[in-house]
Amino acid sequence: MEENRPMNFFRFEDLRIYHKTLDFVSWVYNATKSFPDYASVIRNDMIEAAQEITVNIAEGSGRTKNQFIYYLKMGRSSIRKSIVLITIAQKEGLITDEQHEEAKNLLIEISKMLGALISSLQRNKRGERSSSDEEEDDENLEENNSGNELI
C-alpha cells in the first residue's frame, strides 16, 4: 500500500476489490433505474446480487482467515448470480448488448481479483505464521488483488 495514504478503520475499505465492487453496484443502479415497472423484480434481484458481492467482502474481512476465504467464495457465487441476471435483462431487452458486455467485463475483473485474494490467503494460511507475518499479510492484501482465475 502507499505509505502516504491513511489506513481506514475498517480494513476492507483499503482493498481495491472492495472499491471495484462498489463501482459495479453503481453500474447496476444506473443501468436499472429506467427499467419499466413490470421489470421491478429483476431490477431488485440485480441490485441485491451486486450488493451481496460487496457485503461479503466487508463481512468476511473482520473474521478469521478461513472465514474470510469462505465469504470471498460466497462473493464469487453472487458474481455468478449477477451474470445470470444481466443476461436475463439483456435477453428481455432491458439492457443493451453493450451494457451486458460492460457488466460482464466488470464481473470478470472482480472475479479475477477475488480469485487472487483467495489464493493469496490460502497460501499464507498453509504454514505456521507469526503475528508479525499476519500483520504484514494484512498490509499486503491490496497488492495481491490481481490474477488469472475466472469465474
Protein backbone atom coordinates (compact mmCIF):
# COMPACT_ATOMS: atom_id res chain seq x y z
CA MET A 1 0.00 0.00 0.00
CA GLU A 2 1.03 3.56 -0.47
CA GLU A 3 2.68 4.92 2.64
CA ASN A 4 1.09 8.38 2.31
CA ARG A 5 -2.46 7.10 2.29
CA PRO A 6 -4.08 6.88 5.73
CA MET A 7 -5.42 3.48 6.73
CA ASN A 8 -9.18 3.23 7.21
CA PHE A 9 -10.65 1.95 10.44
CA PHE A 10 -12.27 -0.93 8.54
CA ARG A 11 -9.61 -2.92 6.66
CA PHE A 12 -11.89 -3.83 3.77
CA GLU A 13 -12.08 -0.13 2.83
CA ASP A 14 -8.40 -0.32 1.90
CA LEU A 15 -8.94 -3.15 -0.60
CA ARG A 16 -9.13 -2.31 -4.31
CA ILE A 17 -11.54 -5.21 -4.78
CA TYR A 18 -13.99 -3.55 -2.39
CA HIS A 19 -13.97 -0.33 -4.42
CA LYS A 20 -14.30 -2.26 -7.69
CA THR A 21 -17.42 -3.97 -6.34
CA LEU A 22 -18.85 -0.60 -5.32
CA ASP A 23 -18.31 0.50 -8.93
CA PHE A 24 -20.35 -2.49 -10.07
CA VAL A 25 -23.15 -1.67 -7.61
CA SER A 26 -23.25 1.87 -9.03
CA TRP A 27 -23.30 0.46 -12.55
CA VAL A 28 -26.31 -1.69 -11.66
CA TYR A 29 -28.17 1.24 -10.06
CA ASN A 30 -27.61 3.37 -13.17
CA ALA A 31 -28.43 0.60 -15.65
CA THR A 32 -31.68 -0.38 -13.92
CA LYS A 33 -33.14 2.98 -12.94
CA SER A 34 -35.03 3.25 -16.24
CA PHE A 35 -36.46 -0.30 -16.09
CA PRO A 36 -40.24 -0.30 -16.55
CA ASP A 37 -42.47 -1.20 -13.61
CA TYR A 38 -43.05 -4.75 -14.85
CA ALA A 39 -39.29 -5.40 -14.54
CA SER A 40 -39.02 -4.33 -10.91
CA VAL A 41 -38.35 -7.90 -9.75
CA ILE A 42 -35.30 -8.34 -11.98
CA ARG A 43 -34.13 -4.83 -11.06
CA ASN A 44 -34.32 -5.65 -7.35
CA ASP A 45 -32.60 -9.02 -7.87
CA MET A 46 -29.77 -7.37 -9.85
CA ILE A 47 -29.23 -4.76 -7.13
CA GLU A 48 -29.31 -7.39 -4.38
CA ALA A 49 -26.81 -9.66 -6.15
CA ALA A 50 -24.41 -6.75 -6.78
CA GLN A 51 -24.65 -5.65 -3.16
CA GLU A 52 -24.06 -9.21 -1.94
CA ILE A 53 -20.63 -9.25 -3.59
CA THR A 54 -19.56 -6.12 -1.71
CA VAL A 55 -21.17 -7.10 1.58
CA ASN A 56 -19.46 -10.50 1.60
CA ILE A 57 -16.05 -8.84 1.27
CA ALA A 58 -16.85 -6.46 4.12
CA GLU A 59 -18.34 -9.12 6.41
CA GLY A 60 -15.58 -11.64 5.82
CA SER A 61 -12.75 -9.18 6.37
CA GLY A 62 -13.49 -8.95 10.09
CA ARG A 63 -13.36 -12.70 10.62
CA THR A 64 -10.69 -15.40 10.72
CA LYS A 65 -8.70 -16.15 7.59
CA ASN A 66 -10.70 -19.34 6.89
CA GLN A 67 -13.98 -17.48 7.34
CA PHE A 68 -12.75 -14.62 5.14
CA ILE A 69 -12.00 -17.14 2.38
CA TYR A 70 -15.50 -18.58 2.79
CA TYR A 71 -17.09 -15.12 2.48
CA LEU A 72 -14.97 -14.33 -0.59
CA LYS A 73 -16.18 -17.56 -2.17
CA MET A 74 -19.75 -16.52 -1.36
CA GLY A 75 -18.98 -13.25 -3.16
CA ARG A 76 -17.98 -15.30 -6.21
CA SER A 77 -21.35 -17.08 -6.04
CA SER A 78 -23.02 -13.65 -6.14
CA ILE A 79 -20.94 -12.84 -9.24
CA ARG A 80 -22.37 -15.90 -10.99
CA LYS A 81 -25.86 -14.86 -9.91
CA SER A 82 -25.18 -11.38 -11.33
CA ILE A 83 -24.06 -12.87 -14.66
CA VAL A 84 -27.34 -14.78 -14.95
CA LEU A 85 -29.41 -11.70 -14.07
CA ILE A 86 -27.66 -9.36 -16.52
CA THR A 87 -28.08 -11.98 -19.23
CA ILE A 88 -31.81 -12.23 -18.50
CA ALA A 89 -32.04 -8.42 -18.58
CA GLN A 90 -30.26 -8.38 -21.94
CA LYS A 91 -32.47 -11.10 -23.43
CA GLU A 92 -35.57 -9.23 -22.27
CA GLY A 93 -34.34 -6.02 -23.91
CA LEU A 94 -33.89 -4.21 -20.60
CA ILE A 95 -30.18 -3.55 -21.16
CA THR A 96 -28.27 -3.26 -24.43
CA ASP A 97 -25.69 -5.71 -25.72
CA GLU A 98 -23.04 -3.09 -24.93
CA GLN A 99 -24.26 -2.74 -21.35
CA HIS A 100 -24.27 -6.52 -20.98
CA GLU A 101 -20.69 -6.72 -22.24
CA GLU A 102 -19.59 -3.88 -19.94
CA ALA A 103 -21.16 -5.53 -16.89
CA LYS A 104 -19.75 -8.93 -17.79
CA ASN A 105 -16.24 -7.46 -18.16
CA LEU A 106 -16.55 -5.78 -14.76
CA LEU A 107 -17.67 -9.06 -13.21
CA ILE A 108 -14.81 -10.99 -14.83
CA GLU A 109 -12.33 -8.46 -13.44
CA ILE A 110 -13.91 -8.69 -9.98
CA SER A 111 -13.83 -12.50 -10.15
CA LYS A 112 -10.13 -12.48 -11.05
CA MET A 113 -9.38 -10.14 -8.18
CA LEU A 114 -11.35 -12.30 -5.73
CA GLY A 115 -9.61 -15.44 -7.02
CA ALA A 116 -6.20 -13.87 -6.50
CA LEU A 117 -7.11 -12.73 -2.99
CA ILE A 118 -8.44 -16.19 -2.10
CA SER A 119 -5.27 -17.82 -3.46
CA SER A 120 -3.09 -15.43 -1.51
CA LEU A 121 -4.96 -16.10 1.73
CA GLN A 122 -4.83 -19.86 1.17
CA ARG A 123 -1.07 -19.74 0.50
CA ASN A 124 -0.49 -17.67 3.60
CA LYS A 125 -2.51 -19.93 5.90
CA ARG A 126 -0.68 -23.15 4.94
CA GLY A 127 2.41 -22.58 7.06
CA GLU A 128 2.77 -21.53 10.65
CA ARG A 129 2.51 -17.78 10.80
CA SER A 130 3.74 -15.41 13.44
CA SER A 131 1.63 -12.43 14.44
CA SER A 132 4.06 -10.11 12.66
CA ASP A 133 3.62 -12.18 9.48
CA GLU A 134 -0.15 -11.83 9.79
CA GLU A 135 0.15 -8.06 10.20
CA GLU A 136 2.30 -7.97 7.08
CA ASP A 137 -0.33 -10.07 5.25
CA ASP A 138 -2.97 -7.52 6.20
CA GLU A 139 -0.85 -4.78 4.69
CA ASN A 140 -0.20 -6.82 1.55
CA LEU A 141 -3.78 -7.88 0.79
CA GLU A 142 -4.09 -4.90 -1.52
CA GLU A 143 -1.03 -5.92 -3.53
CA ASN A 144 -2.38 -9.41 -4.19
CA ASN A 145 -5.58 -8.33 -5.94
CA SER A 146 -4.68 -9.49 -9.44
CA GLY A 147 -4.68 -12.90 -11.06
CA ASN A 148 -5.85 -15.16 -13.84
CA GLU A 149 -8.67 -17.13 -12.23
CA LEU A 150 -12.01 -16.67 -13.95
CA ILE A 151 -15.46 -17.29 -12.60
